[in-house]
Amino acid sequence: MPRFAPSTSLATHEVMNQPPEFAGRNLYASDPALRESVLREGAAWVDARALALGALAGSEAVLEAGDLANRHPPELIAFDRYGRRLDEARFHPAYHQLMGLAMEHRIHDIAWTPEGPGGHVAHAVLLALFTQAEAGTMCPMTMTYAAVPALRSTPEVAAPWLSKLVGGSYDAPLRPIGEKAGVTIGMAMTEKQGGSDVRANATRAERMPGAGGRAYRLTGHKWFCSAPMSDGFLTLAYAPGGLSCFLVPRIAPDGERNRIQVMRLKDKLGNKSNASSEIEYHGAYAELLGEEGRGVNVIIDMVHHTRLGTIAGTLGIMRMALAQALHHASHRRVFQKTLIDQPLMEAVLADLALEYEAAVALTMRVARAFDGADESERAFARLAVAVAKYWLTKRCANFVYECMECLGGAGYVEETPLPRLFRESPLNAIWEGSGNVIALDILRTFAREPQALAAFAAELRRAAGADARLDAAIAEVLDGLAAARPVEAEARFVAERLALTLQAALLARHAPSAVADAFIATRIAGGGGRSYGAVPRDFAAAPIVARHAGH
C-alpha cells in the first residue's frame, strides 16, 4: 500500500486581520451615554454598583455562562421515576449561576430599598447591563421586581413573601418559602382564547370555606406562564365577584406541591434560557390580592413596572449589538484602512450610536419618573413608559440586524452573540403588550388621564429654544393632539411622533451637541433616510463614533 510522507508544507493560513476577543471589558465604564444618564437622573449612588456589575457582565466567565444557558435550554421533568408528578423545569448549571449573580447584585429588589434617590433608575441600569451578558434570566428578575407593588395591595397576604423577596438571595430548590433564603415571582395571566383580552379568561376561582376569607381554589388553563420554576405566580381568574388577581404558591400551606401542572415548555424563537410554559390549575390553592372583581387594577401595577423592564432590557440588547459592531470595525482592515475609518461604515456606526443614545436618554428619564414624588411625575411615567416601550422595542430588531451586518458573514455565525441577540430582539415588543395594545393604551391614557398628557407636554417644552427644528416639531405634535382626539387607526403614528420628539427634547437638553444636532437633523427634520447610515453629506459621524468606540 502507498504510504504518505509527513507533510513539510507550511500551514494553510495564518489567522490575521481578525479582532481580539471581546471579553474582559467593563460594560458600564465603556458606555458614556449610559453612565452620564444614570448620574444625571439622580442615581449617582449606584455608580459603584454599576461599575462592579459592568466588569462582571463583561468578563469571559459570565459571557460564557450566558452562551451556555442558551445553548442548553431548560427541560420539563413532568414525573419522577415512580410516576409522581414533579412539573419542574430543570436548567443547565450556567442558568443557576446567572440567577445567583443577578440576585446578588440586587436587580430584583434594589428599587424597593435604594440607598438614595432613583431606585428605579438603579434597577433599570443594572438590568440593562446584565442583559448584555444574558437576557433570559432577566424575565424572572423583572417579574420579581414588578410583583412588589401588586403584593403590597394586600399586606396580610404579602408579608411572608415580601420578607423573602426584598433582601433575598437566589435559592432554587422547591420548598416552603419560610425555609428559603429568597423567592422569585412569576406571572400567568393570558389564556389561548383571549391573549391580551384578559376579560375573556375562563379560569375560575372558588372560595375555600373557613380558610380565612382569602383562600380560593383555581381551575383552568394558562397559555403563557413566564418562569414556571418561580416560587409563586400572580394570576387572573374569575371569582364570584368578577375577574380577580391571585397569588398562587408552588407549595401549598400543607407543605405539599400545589395542584399546578406544567403541560409543556414553549419552543420559542429566542429567550432560550428562560422556561416559558403552559400550565393548568387543578383546584390549585391561591390567595386573593385586593378585592374580587378588581383583578385588573391589581395586576396593572405589575404590568406597569414590567414595561420598564422591557425597555431596560431592550437597551441592553441594543448596547451589546452596537459594542460588538464597534469592536469588530475597530480591528478589521479592508482596502488598506480600518473598517471603522471607512466613511460609509463610519456613517452606519454613527447612526446606530445615535439611536442608542436616544434610547438611553428615554429609558433613564422614564425610570426616574417611576421614582417621582409628585403626581405629575407619576402621571408622566404612566404615559411615557408606554410610549418608550412601543418605540424602542419596535426599533430593536432592525438595529440588531444592522449591527450584525457590520460583522459581515461572521455576524451570522452562532460563535458570535449577534444571532442570539437577533432572536431576542423582537421579544420585548411582544410581551407586556404588543405594538397595537401599547399604542391603544396610549390613546386610552389621553382620555382617562389628561394630567399624563399635560406632564408629557411639559417635559417636551423644557427643551424650548434649544433648536428651531425641534420647537416646530413639538408644536406640531402638541397642537395636533389639542385640535382633535386621535382615532384608533392612527395610534401607531401618534406613538411614534411622541417618542421621537421626546427623545429629541432629551438629547437637546443633555447630550453633546454633535449627538443632539445629528438626531434632530435625521429623525425630526427629515434629513435622514429609512435605513441606518442613510445620512446627508453634512452628517458629523466622527465625533459620535469616537464617543462610543472609546477613541
Protein backbone atom coordinates (compact mmCIF):
# COMPACT_ATOMS: atom_id res chain seq x y z
CA MET A 1 0.00 0.00 0.00
CA PRO A 2 1.27 3.51 -0.73
CA ARG A 3 2.41 5.46 2.25
CA PHE A 4 2.01 9.20 2.72
CA ALA A 5 5.09 11.01 3.84
CA PRO A 6 4.71 13.52 6.68
CA SER A 7 3.87 16.91 5.26
CA THR A 8 6.58 19.53 5.30
CA SER A 9 4.45 22.25 3.76
CA LEU A 10 3.55 25.47 5.50
CA ALA A 11 0.28 25.88 7.37
CA THR A 12 -2.66 26.55 5.08
CA HIS A 13 -3.17 30.03 6.52
CA GLU A 14 -2.37 32.38 9.35
CA VAL A 15 -5.07 33.95 11.50
CA MET A 16 -4.70 37.65 10.90
CA ASN A 17 -6.86 40.72 10.42
CA GLN A 18 -9.33 39.43 13.00
CA PRO A 19 -10.46 41.29 16.13
CA PRO A 20 -9.24 40.14 19.55
CA GLU A 21 -11.65 38.53 21.98
CA PHE A 22 -14.43 40.85 23.11
CA ALA A 23 -14.46 39.71 26.75
CA GLY A 24 -12.59 41.43 29.54
CA ARG A 25 -14.16 44.88 29.40
CA ASN A 26 -16.32 46.88 31.76
CA LEU A 27 -19.68 47.24 30.02
CA TYR A 28 -20.62 50.25 32.14
CA ALA A 29 -17.34 52.18 32.18
CA SER A 30 -17.12 51.88 28.39
CA ASP A 31 -20.63 53.29 27.86
CA PRO A 32 -20.53 57.07 28.33
CA ALA A 33 -24.17 57.62 27.35
CA LEU A 34 -25.47 55.19 29.96
CA ARG A 35 -23.20 56.35 32.75
CA GLU A 36 -23.97 60.01 32.13
CA SER A 37 -27.70 59.29 32.18
CA VAL A 38 -27.52 57.41 35.46
CA LEU A 39 -25.70 60.28 37.12
CA ARG A 40 -28.00 62.88 35.56
CA GLU A 41 -31.20 61.10 36.55
CA GLY A 42 -30.38 61.14 40.23
CA ALA A 43 -28.88 57.73 40.99
CA ALA A 44 -25.22 58.60 41.50
CA TRP A 45 -25.12 56.26 44.48
CA VAL A 46 -25.49 53.25 42.15
CA ASP A 47 -22.44 54.20 40.07
CA ALA A 48 -20.05 51.99 42.05
CA ARG A 49 -22.50 49.08 41.93
CA ALA A 50 -22.92 49.53 38.18
CA LEU A 51 -19.15 49.58 37.69
CA ALA A 52 -18.86 46.31 39.59
CA LEU A 53 -21.65 44.68 37.60
CA GLY A 54 -20.31 46.12 34.34
CA ALA A 55 -16.96 44.43 34.94
CA LEU A 56 -18.63 41.16 35.90
CA ALA A 57 -21.07 41.10 32.96
CA GLY A 58 -18.23 41.82 30.54
CA SER A 59 -16.00 39.08 31.93
CA GLU A 60 -15.19 35.96 29.96
CA ALA A 61 -16.78 33.71 32.59
CA VAL A 62 -20.16 35.44 32.64
CA LEU A 63 -20.34 35.91 28.87
CA GLU A 64 -19.62 32.19 28.52
CA ALA A 65 -22.31 31.36 31.09
CA GLY A 66 -24.79 33.38 29.03
CA ASP A 67 -23.88 31.37 25.96
CA LEU A 68 -24.14 28.03 27.76
CA ALA A 69 -27.50 28.82 29.36
CA ASN A 70 -28.93 29.43 25.88
CA ARG A 71 -27.23 26.51 24.15
CA HIS A 72 -28.63 24.16 26.82
CA PRO A 73 -32.23 25.29 27.40
CA PRO A 74 -34.40 24.06 30.28
CA GLU A 75 -36.08 20.67 30.16
CA LEU A 76 -39.52 19.80 31.51
CA ILE A 77 -39.48 16.96 34.03
CA ALA A 78 -43.16 16.14 34.42
CA PHE A 79 -42.80 12.98 36.56
CA ASP A 80 -40.28 11.32 38.82
CA ARG A 81 -39.09 7.77 38.16
CA TYR A 82 -42.04 6.34 40.07
CA GLY A 83 -44.71 8.28 38.21
CA ARG A 84 -45.32 11.02 40.76
CA ARG A 85 -45.87 14.45 39.23
CA LEU A 86 -42.97 16.87 39.54
CA ASP A 87 -43.84 19.56 36.99
CA GLU A 88 -40.36 21.04 37.17
CA ALA A 89 -38.15 22.86 34.70
CA ARG A 90 -34.55 21.74 35.06
CA PHE A 91 -31.75 24.06 33.99
CA HIS A 92 -28.12 23.98 32.98
CA PRO A 93 -25.79 24.99 35.85
CA ALA A 94 -24.93 28.19 33.97
CA TYR A 95 -28.53 29.36 34.38
CA HIS A 96 -28.35 28.97 38.16
CA GLN A 97 -25.00 30.76 38.17
CA LEU A 98 -26.54 33.72 36.33
CA MET A 99 -29.63 33.84 38.54
CA GLY A 100 -27.44 33.83 41.63
CA LEU A 101 -25.33 36.70 40.31
CA ALA A 102 -28.39 38.71 39.30
CA MET A 103 -29.93 38.49 42.76
CA GLU A 104 -26.58 39.08 44.42
CA HIS A 105 -26.41 42.36 42.52
CA ARG A 106 -29.98 43.14 43.62
CA ILE A 107 -31.57 43.61 40.22
CA HIS A 108 -34.79 42.19 41.69
CA ASP A 109 -35.13 44.46 44.71
CA ILE A 110 -32.80 47.48 44.58
CA ALA A 111 -35.69 49.76 43.57
CA TRP A 112 -37.52 48.94 46.80
CA THR A 113 -34.62 49.52 49.20
CA PRO A 114 -32.50 52.14 47.46
CA GLU A 115 -29.52 53.81 49.09
CA GLY A 116 -30.62 57.18 47.72
CA PRO A 117 -33.00 58.69 45.18
CA GLY A 118 -33.50 56.98 41.84
CA GLY A 119 -34.19 53.40 42.91
CA HIS A 120 -35.91 52.56 39.63
CA VAL A 121 -33.06 54.18 37.68
CA ALA A 122 -30.74 51.84 39.57
CA HIS A 123 -32.93 48.85 38.69
CA ALA A 124 -33.01 49.86 35.02
CA VAL A 125 -29.26 50.33 34.63
CA LEU A 126 -28.39 47.07 36.39
CA LEU A 127 -30.95 45.18 34.32
CA ALA A 128 -29.61 46.72 31.08
CA LEU A 129 -26.05 45.77 32.00
CA PHE A 130 -26.90 42.17 32.88
CA THR A 131 -28.99 41.77 29.72
CA GLN A 132 -25.84 42.34 27.69
CA ALA A 133 -24.47 39.10 29.08
CA GLU A 134 -27.75 37.16 29.16
CA ALA A 135 -31.34 38.26 28.64
CA GLY A 136 -33.45 35.24 29.60
CA THR A 137 -32.72 35.39 33.32
CA MET A 138 -33.93 38.98 33.35
CA CYS A 139 -37.51 37.76 32.85
CA PRO A 140 -37.82 36.30 36.37
CA MET A 141 -35.81 39.22 37.74
CA THR A 142 -38.19 41.74 36.16
CA MET A 143 -41.32 39.94 37.32
CA THR A 144 -40.00 39.54 40.85
CA TYR A 145 -39.22 43.26 40.97
CA ALA A 146 -42.59 44.18 39.47
CA ALA A 147 -44.60 41.93 41.79
CA VAL A 148 -43.85 44.13 44.80
CA PRO A 149 -46.45 46.88 44.20
CA ALA A 150 -49.13 44.28 43.41
CA LEU A 151 -48.32 42.32 46.56
CA ARG A 152 -48.41 45.46 48.67
CA SER A 153 -52.09 45.85 47.79
CA THR A 154 -52.82 43.15 50.39
CA PRO A 155 -50.35 43.25 53.30
CA GLU A 156 -51.78 40.23 55.14
CA VAL A 157 -51.07 38.03 52.11
CA ALA A 158 -47.85 39.73 51.04
CA ALA A 159 -45.95 39.89 54.33
CA PRO A 160 -44.24 36.46 54.26
CA TRP A 161 -43.43 36.85 50.57
CA LEU A 162 -42.01 40.35 50.77
CA SER A 163 -39.82 39.35 53.70
CA LYS A 164 -38.14 36.79 51.42
CA LEU A 165 -38.21 38.82 48.21
CA VAL A 166 -36.70 42.10 49.38
CA GLY A 167 -33.18 41.34 50.50
CA GLY A 168 -33.44 37.73 49.37
CA SER A 169 -30.79 35.70 47.58
CA TYR A 170 -31.19 33.04 44.92
CA ASP A 171 -32.49 29.78 46.35
CA ALA A 172 -33.54 27.41 43.56
CA PRO A 173 -34.80 24.22 45.29
CA LEU A 174 -38.56 23.95 45.69
CA ARG A 175 -39.67 24.09 49.31
CA PRO A 176 -41.95 26.21 51.55
CA ILE A 177 -40.99 29.87 51.41
CA GLY A 178 -40.41 30.02 55.15
CA GLU A 179 -37.40 27.74 54.61
CA LYS A 180 -35.92 29.73 51.71
CA ALA A 181 -33.24 32.43 51.53
CA GLY A 182 -35.13 34.23 48.77
CA VAL A 183 -38.02 33.84 46.35
CA THR A 184 -38.89 34.68 42.77
CA ILE A 185 -42.32 35.54 41.41
CA GLY A 186 -43.76 34.68 38.00
CA MET A 187 -46.90 35.67 36.13
CA ALA A 188 -49.67 33.62 34.50
CA MET A 189 -52.37 35.86 33.03
CA THR A 190 -53.19 35.09 29.41
CA GLU A 191 -55.26 32.24 28.04
CA LYS A 192 -55.38 30.92 24.50
CA GLN A 193 -58.85 32.24 23.73
CA GLY A 194 -58.15 35.79 24.90
CA GLY A 195 -54.47 36.75 24.80
CA SER A 196 -54.27 40.42 25.77
CA ASP A 197 -58.05 40.46 26.29
CA VAL A 198 -57.84 39.06 29.81
CA ARG A 199 -61.56 39.60 30.36
CA ALA A 200 -62.08 36.63 28.02
CA ASN A 201 -60.31 34.40 30.57
CA ALA A 202 -62.10 31.22 31.61
CA THR A 203 -60.13 30.21 34.73
CA ARG A 204 -62.44 30.04 37.73
CA ALA A 205 -61.85 30.68 41.43
CA GLU A 206 -63.96 29.18 44.22
CA ARG A 207 -63.74 30.32 47.81
CA MET A 208 -62.44 27.83 50.34
CA PRO A 209 -64.86 27.88 53.31
CA GLY A 210 -63.30 28.50 56.69
CA ALA A 211 -59.87 29.36 55.31
CA GLY A 212 -59.57 32.98 56.40
CA GLY A 213 -61.55 34.64 53.63
CA ARG A 214 -58.76 35.00 51.07
CA ALA A 215 -58.16 31.34 50.21
CA TYR A 216 -59.52 30.02 46.91
CA ARG A 217 -59.23 27.05 44.59
CA LEU A 218 -58.38 27.80 40.93
CA THR A 219 -59.26 25.64 37.94
CA GLY A 220 -58.22 26.49 34.40
CA HIS A 221 -55.53 26.61 31.72
CA LYS A 222 -52.96 29.38 31.19
CA TRP A 223 -51.49 29.74 27.70
CA PHE A 224 -48.39 31.58 28.92
CA CYS A 225 -46.82 31.21 32.34
CA SER A 226 -43.50 33.00 32.48
CA ALA A 227 -40.84 31.33 34.60
CA PRO A 228 -42.75 28.27 35.92
CA MET A 229 -39.90 27.46 38.33
CA SER A 230 -40.82 30.57 40.38
CA ASP A 231 -41.98 30.17 43.96
CA GLY A 232 -45.31 31.81 43.26
CA PHE A 233 -47.34 33.37 40.47
CA LEU A 234 -49.64 36.32 40.10
CA THR A 235 -52.60 35.18 38.06
CA LEU A 236 -56.09 36.24 36.99
CA ALA A 237 -59.26 34.18 37.45
CA TYR A 238 -62.98 34.77 37.70
CA ALA A 239 -64.25 34.72 41.28
CA PRO A 240 -67.95 35.19 42.14
CA GLY A 241 -67.37 38.94 42.23
CA GLY A 242 -65.66 39.13 38.84
CA LEU A 243 -62.14 38.99 37.39
CA SER A 244 -59.72 38.92 40.32
CA CYS A 245 -55.99 38.71 40.99
CA PHE A 246 -54.48 35.85 43.00
CA LEU A 247 -51.13 34.78 44.36
CA VAL A 248 -50.59 31.08 43.64
CA PRO A 249 -47.70 29.43 45.55
CA ARG A 250 -45.85 26.40 44.19
CA ILE A 251 -46.04 24.88 47.67
CA ALA A 252 -49.47 24.87 49.33
CA PRO A 253 -49.89 25.66 53.06
CA ASP A 254 -49.98 21.94 53.87
CA GLY A 255 -46.40 21.66 52.61
CA GLU A 256 -47.33 19.66 49.51
CA ARG A 257 -46.86 20.66 45.89
CA ASN A 258 -49.72 22.84 44.78
CA ARG A 259 -52.05 21.48 42.11
CA ILE A 260 -50.27 23.20 39.22
CA GLN A 261 -49.40 21.08 36.21
CA VAL A 262 -46.84 22.22 33.66
CA MET A 263 -48.22 20.99 30.34
CA ARG A 264 -45.24 21.93 28.20
CA LEU A 265 -42.39 24.39 27.82
CA LYS A 266 -42.75 26.77 24.88
CA ASP A 267 -40.39 26.17 21.96
CA LYS A 268 -39.54 29.82 21.34
CA LEU A 269 -37.61 31.71 18.69
CA GLY A 270 -35.21 33.07 21.31
CA ASN A 271 -35.02 33.66 25.05
CA LYS A 272 -33.94 30.04 25.21
CA SER A 273 -32.52 30.07 28.72
CA ASN A 274 -35.88 31.10 30.17
CA ALA A 275 -38.60 28.50 30.68
CA SER A 276 -41.89 29.86 29.36
CA SER A 277 -44.72 27.38 29.71
CA GLU A 278 -48.35 26.40 29.57
CA ILE A 279 -49.85 25.40 32.89
CA GLU A 280 -53.11 24.11 34.30
CA TYR A 281 -54.64 24.71 37.70
CA HIS A 282 -56.43 21.66 39.04
CA GLY A 283 -58.03 23.08 42.15
CA ALA A 284 -54.80 24.94 42.95
CA TYR A 285 -54.60 26.82 46.24
CA ALA A 286 -54.49 30.60 45.79
CA GLU A 287 -54.85 33.75 47.87
CA LEU A 288 -56.83 36.79 46.75
CA LEU A 289 -54.94 40.05 46.23
CA GLY A 290 -57.09 43.14 46.51
CA GLU A 291 -60.81 42.63 46.16
CA GLU A 292 -62.93 40.38 43.98
CA GLY A 293 -63.67 41.96 40.64
CA ARG A 294 -60.67 44.32 40.87
CA GLY A 295 -58.06 41.98 39.45
CA VAL A 296 -57.04 44.16 36.52
CA ASN A 297 -56.48 47.11 38.86
CA VAL A 298 -54.10 44.99 40.95
CA ILE A 299 -52.22 43.35 38.11
CA ILE A 300 -51.84 46.56 36.11
CA ASP A 301 -49.38 47.83 38.71
CA MET A 302 -47.20 44.81 38.00
CA VAL A 303 -47.54 45.28 34.24
CA HIS A 304 -46.65 48.97 34.57
CA HIS A 305 -43.35 48.00 36.20
CA THR A 306 -42.58 45.09 33.88
CA ARG A 307 -42.88 47.55 30.99
CA LEU A 308 -39.97 49.45 32.48
CA GLY A 309 -38.12 46.14 32.38
CA THR A 310 -38.89 45.70 28.68
CA ILE A 311 -37.25 49.00 27.77
CA ALA A 312 -34.25 48.47 30.05
CA GLY A 313 -33.79 45.00 28.56
CA THR A 314 -34.08 46.43 25.05
CA LEU A 315 -31.37 48.92 25.95
CA GLY A 316 -29.07 46.06 26.96
CA ILE A 317 -29.68 44.16 23.73
CA MET A 318 -29.00 47.27 21.65
CA ARG A 319 -25.82 48.12 23.52
CA MET A 320 -24.27 44.68 23.21
CA ALA A 321 -25.05 44.58 19.48
CA LEU A 322 -23.54 48.04 19.00
CA ALA A 323 -20.49 47.19 21.11
CA GLN A 324 -19.86 44.07 19.02
CA ALA A 325 -20.13 46.09 15.81
CA LEU A 326 -17.77 48.77 17.09
CA HIS A 327 -15.30 46.17 18.35
CA HIS A 328 -15.19 44.36 15.03
CA ALA A 329 -14.96 47.53 12.95
CA SER A 330 -12.18 48.92 15.15
CA HIS A 331 -9.89 45.95 14.44
CA ARG A 332 -10.80 44.73 10.97
CA ARG A 333 -8.94 46.20 7.97
CA VAL A 334 -10.33 46.36 4.45
CA PHE A 335 -8.86 48.10 1.44
CA GLN A 336 -5.84 49.33 3.43
CA LYS A 337 -7.95 51.07 6.10
CA THR A 338 -9.51 50.05 9.38
CA LEU A 339 -13.19 49.35 8.81
CA ILE A 340 -14.29 51.96 11.32
CA ASP A 341 -12.39 54.60 9.31
CA GLN A 342 -14.21 53.82 6.08
CA PRO A 343 -16.60 56.76 5.53
CA LEU A 344 -19.71 54.71 4.81
CA MET A 345 -19.15 52.31 7.70
CA GLU A 346 -18.45 55.28 9.95
CA ALA A 347 -21.82 56.75 8.93
CA VAL A 348 -23.62 53.48 9.72
CA LEU A 349 -21.96 53.14 13.13
CA ALA A 350 -22.64 56.78 13.98
CA ASP A 351 -26.31 56.43 13.04
CA LEU A 352 -26.59 53.30 15.20
CA ALA A 353 -24.89 55.12 18.07
CA LEU A 354 -27.39 57.97 17.70
CA GLU A 355 -30.26 55.52 18.00
CA TYR A 356 -28.71 54.05 21.13
CA GLU A 357 -28.03 57.47 22.69
CA ALA A 358 -31.69 58.39 22.24
CA ALA A 359 -32.80 55.05 23.69
CA VAL A 360 -30.64 55.60 26.78
CA ALA A 361 -31.93 59.11 27.37
CA LEU A 362 -35.55 58.00 27.04
CA THR A 363 -35.22 54.87 29.20
CA MET A 364 -33.45 56.56 32.07
CA ARG A 365 -35.79 59.56 32.06
CA VAL A 366 -38.78 57.20 32.23
CA ALA A 367 -37.10 55.26 35.04
CA ARG A 368 -36.65 58.48 37.03
CA ALA A 369 -40.35 59.20 36.63
CA PHE A 370 -41.10 55.89 38.37
CA ASP A 371 -39.37 57.38 41.41
CA GLY A 372 -41.44 60.56 41.16
CA ALA A 373 -42.55 62.05 44.43
CA ASP A 374 -45.43 64.04 42.93
CA GLU A 375 -48.46 63.08 40.88
CA SER A 376 -47.21 64.90 37.79
CA GLU A 377 -44.15 62.66 37.58
CA ARG A 378 -46.18 59.53 38.22
CA ALA A 379 -48.66 60.56 35.52
CA PHE A 380 -45.75 61.19 33.13
CA ALA A 381 -44.42 57.71 33.91
CA ARG A 382 -47.73 56.04 33.06
CA LEU A 383 -47.76 57.59 29.59
CA ALA A 384 -44.04 57.75 28.87
CA VAL A 385 -43.33 54.09 29.67
CA ALA A 386 -45.92 53.04 27.09
CA VAL A 387 -44.51 55.47 24.51
CA ALA A 388 -40.98 54.22 25.19
CA LYS A 389 -41.97 50.56 25.09
CA TYR A 390 -43.77 50.99 21.80
CA TRP A 391 -40.91 52.78 20.04
CA LEU A 392 -37.73 51.28 21.48
CA THR A 393 -38.85 47.68 21.13
CA LYS A 394 -40.03 48.36 17.58
CA ARG A 395 -36.59 49.72 16.65
CA CYS A 396 -34.58 46.96 18.29
CA ALA A 397 -34.79 44.12 15.76
CA ASN A 398 -33.61 46.15 12.78
CA PHE A 399 -30.97 47.80 14.97
CA VAL A 400 -29.51 44.40 15.90
CA TYR A 401 -29.66 43.23 12.29
CA GLU A 402 -27.70 46.28 11.13
CA CYS A 403 -25.06 45.63 13.80
CA MET A 404 -24.91 42.02 12.61
CA GLU A 405 -24.24 43.21 9.07
CA CYS A 406 -21.29 45.27 10.31
CA LEU A 407 -19.56 41.95 11.05
CA GLY A 408 -20.35 40.55 7.63
CA GLY A 409 -20.67 36.76 7.46
CA ALA A 410 -19.08 36.36 10.89
CA GLY A 411 -22.07 38.11 12.43
CA TYR A 412 -24.40 35.40 11.13
CA VAL A 413 -22.44 32.63 12.87
CA GLU A 414 -23.50 31.32 16.26
CA GLU A 415 -19.98 31.69 17.65
CA THR A 416 -20.73 35.40 17.94
CA PRO A 417 -23.56 36.69 20.16
CA LEU A 418 -25.30 38.50 17.28
CA PRO A 419 -27.65 35.63 16.27
CA ARG A 420 -28.77 35.22 19.89
CA LEU A 421 -29.30 38.96 20.23
CA PHE A 422 -31.27 38.98 16.98
CA ARG A 423 -33.57 36.19 18.19
CA GLU A 424 -34.01 38.06 21.44
CA SER A 425 -34.75 41.39 19.78
CA PRO A 426 -38.50 41.01 19.00
CA LEU A 427 -39.49 39.67 22.39
CA ASN A 428 -39.75 42.86 24.42
CA ALA A 429 -42.07 44.22 21.72
CA ILE A 430 -44.40 41.24 22.14
CA TRP A 431 -44.74 40.59 25.85
CA GLU A 432 -46.32 43.02 28.30
CA GLY A 433 -48.48 44.29 25.42
CA SER A 434 -47.55 44.07 21.75
CA GLY A 435 -47.44 47.10 19.47
CA ASN A 436 -51.15 47.61 18.88
CA VAL A 437 -52.00 47.02 22.52
CA ILE A 438 -49.45 49.60 23.65
CA ALA A 439 -50.45 52.18 21.03
CA LEU A 440 -54.10 51.86 22.06
CA ASP A 441 -53.09 52.12 25.74
CA ILE A 442 -51.53 55.48 24.87
CA LEU A 443 -54.80 56.72 23.38
CA ARG A 444 -56.74 55.47 26.40
CA THR A 445 -54.34 57.30 28.70
CA PHE A 446 -55.09 60.55 26.85
CA ALA A 447 -58.79 60.04 27.52
CA ARG A 448 -58.59 58.82 31.10
CA GLU A 449 -55.65 60.82 32.44
CA PRO A 450 -55.39 64.29 30.91
CA GLN A 451 -52.77 65.10 33.55
CA ALA A 452 -50.48 62.50 31.92
CA LEU A 453 -50.54 64.28 28.58
CA ALA A 454 -50.08 67.61 30.35
CA ALA A 455 -46.98 66.26 32.13
CA PHE A 456 -45.65 64.85 28.85
CA ALA A 457 -46.17 68.21 27.13
CA ALA A 458 -44.37 69.99 29.96
CA GLU A 459 -41.41 67.65 29.56
CA LEU A 460 -41.22 68.42 25.84
CA ARG A 461 -41.40 72.17 26.44
CA ARG A 462 -38.39 72.05 28.76
CA ALA A 463 -36.32 71.88 25.56
CA ALA A 464 -37.90 75.05 24.13
CA GLY A 465 -35.39 77.28 22.36
CA ALA A 466 -32.69 74.63 22.04
CA ASP A 467 -33.32 74.09 18.32
CA ALA A 468 -35.82 75.75 15.99
CA ARG A 469 -36.48 72.48 14.15
CA LEU A 470 -37.32 70.76 17.41
CA ASP A 471 -39.53 73.66 18.55
CA ALA A 472 -41.55 73.31 15.36
CA ALA A 473 -41.90 69.55 15.76
CA ILE A 474 -43.05 69.83 19.38
CA ALA A 475 -45.60 72.48 18.45
CA GLU A 476 -46.89 70.32 15.60
CA VAL A 477 -47.32 67.25 17.84
CA LEU A 478 -48.98 69.08 20.72
CA ASP A 479 -51.18 71.26 18.54
CA GLY A 480 -52.37 68.18 16.69
CA LEU A 481 -53.33 66.43 19.92
CA ALA A 482 -55.09 69.55 21.18
CA ALA A 483 -57.05 70.01 17.94
CA ALA A 484 -58.56 66.52 17.72
CA ARG A 485 -58.54 63.36 19.74
CA PRO A 486 -56.57 60.71 17.78
CA VAL A 487 -58.56 57.88 16.26
CA GLU A 488 -57.63 54.24 16.66
CA ALA A 489 -56.17 53.83 13.17
CA GLU A 490 -53.51 56.50 13.80
CA ALA A 491 -52.43 55.19 17.22
CA ARG A 492 -49.07 53.94 15.98
CA PHE A 493 -48.33 57.21 14.19
CA VAL A 494 -49.09 59.17 17.36
CA ALA A 495 -46.93 56.86 19.50
CA GLU A 496 -44.01 57.21 17.10
CA ARG A 497 -44.17 61.01 16.96
CA LEU A 498 -44.40 61.28 20.75
CA ALA A 499 -41.38 59.03 21.17
CA LEU A 500 -39.21 60.81 18.63
CA THR A 501 -39.98 64.30 19.90
CA LEU A 502 -39.34 63.25 23.49
CA GLN A 503 -36.04 61.62 22.54
CA ALA A 504 -35.01 64.73 20.63
CA ALA A 505 -36.00 67.01 23.50
CA LEU A 506 -33.96 64.97 25.98
CA LEU A 507 -30.92 64.91 23.71
CA ALA A 508 -31.20 68.64 23.03
CA ARG A 509 -31.03 69.28 26.76
CA HIS A 510 -28.46 66.73 27.83
CA ALA A 511 -26.40 65.17 25.01
CA PRO A 512 -23.25 66.50 23.33
CA SER A 513 -24.17 68.97 20.61
CA ALA A 514 -22.95 66.66 17.83
CA VAL A 515 -25.35 63.95 19.03
CA ALA A 516 -28.36 66.21 19.53
CA ASP A 517 -27.91 68.05 16.23
CA ALA A 518 -27.49 64.85 14.22
CA PHE A 519 -30.54 63.22 15.82
CA ILE A 520 -32.75 66.24 15.18
CA ALA A 521 -31.48 66.57 11.59
CA THR A 522 -32.10 62.91 10.72
CA ARG A 523 -35.15 61.99 12.85
CA ILE A 524 -37.04 65.26 13.29
CA ALA A 525 -36.17 67.49 10.33
CA GLY A 526 -36.42 64.70 7.76
CA GLY A 527 -32.77 64.76 6.72
CA GLY A 528 -32.16 61.04 7.14
CA GLY A 529 -33.14 58.03 5.08
CA ARG A 530 -35.05 54.90 6.01
CA SER A 531 -32.06 52.71 6.82
CA TYR A 532 -29.16 53.17 9.20
CA GLY A 533 -26.31 55.07 7.61
CA ALA A 534 -28.52 56.78 5.02
CA VAL A 535 -27.44 60.22 6.19
CA PRO A 536 -26.86 63.58 4.45
CA ARG A 537 -23.45 64.87 3.37
CA ASP A 538 -23.05 67.21 6.35
CA PHE A 539 -23.71 64.45 8.92
CA ALA A 540 -20.90 64.67 11.51
CA ALA A 541 -20.18 60.98 12.11
CA ALA A 542 -16.65 61.11 13.54
CA PRO A 543 -17.33 62.60 17.00
CA ILE A 544 -20.30 60.30 17.56
CA VAL A 545 -18.33 57.18 16.68
CA ALA A 546 -15.36 58.33 18.74
CA ARG A 547 -17.61 58.79 21.79
CA HIS A 548 -18.81 55.19 21.65
CA ALA A 549 -15.69 53.46 20.36
CA GLY A 550 -13.52 54.96 23.07
CA HIS A 551 -11.30 56.85 20.63
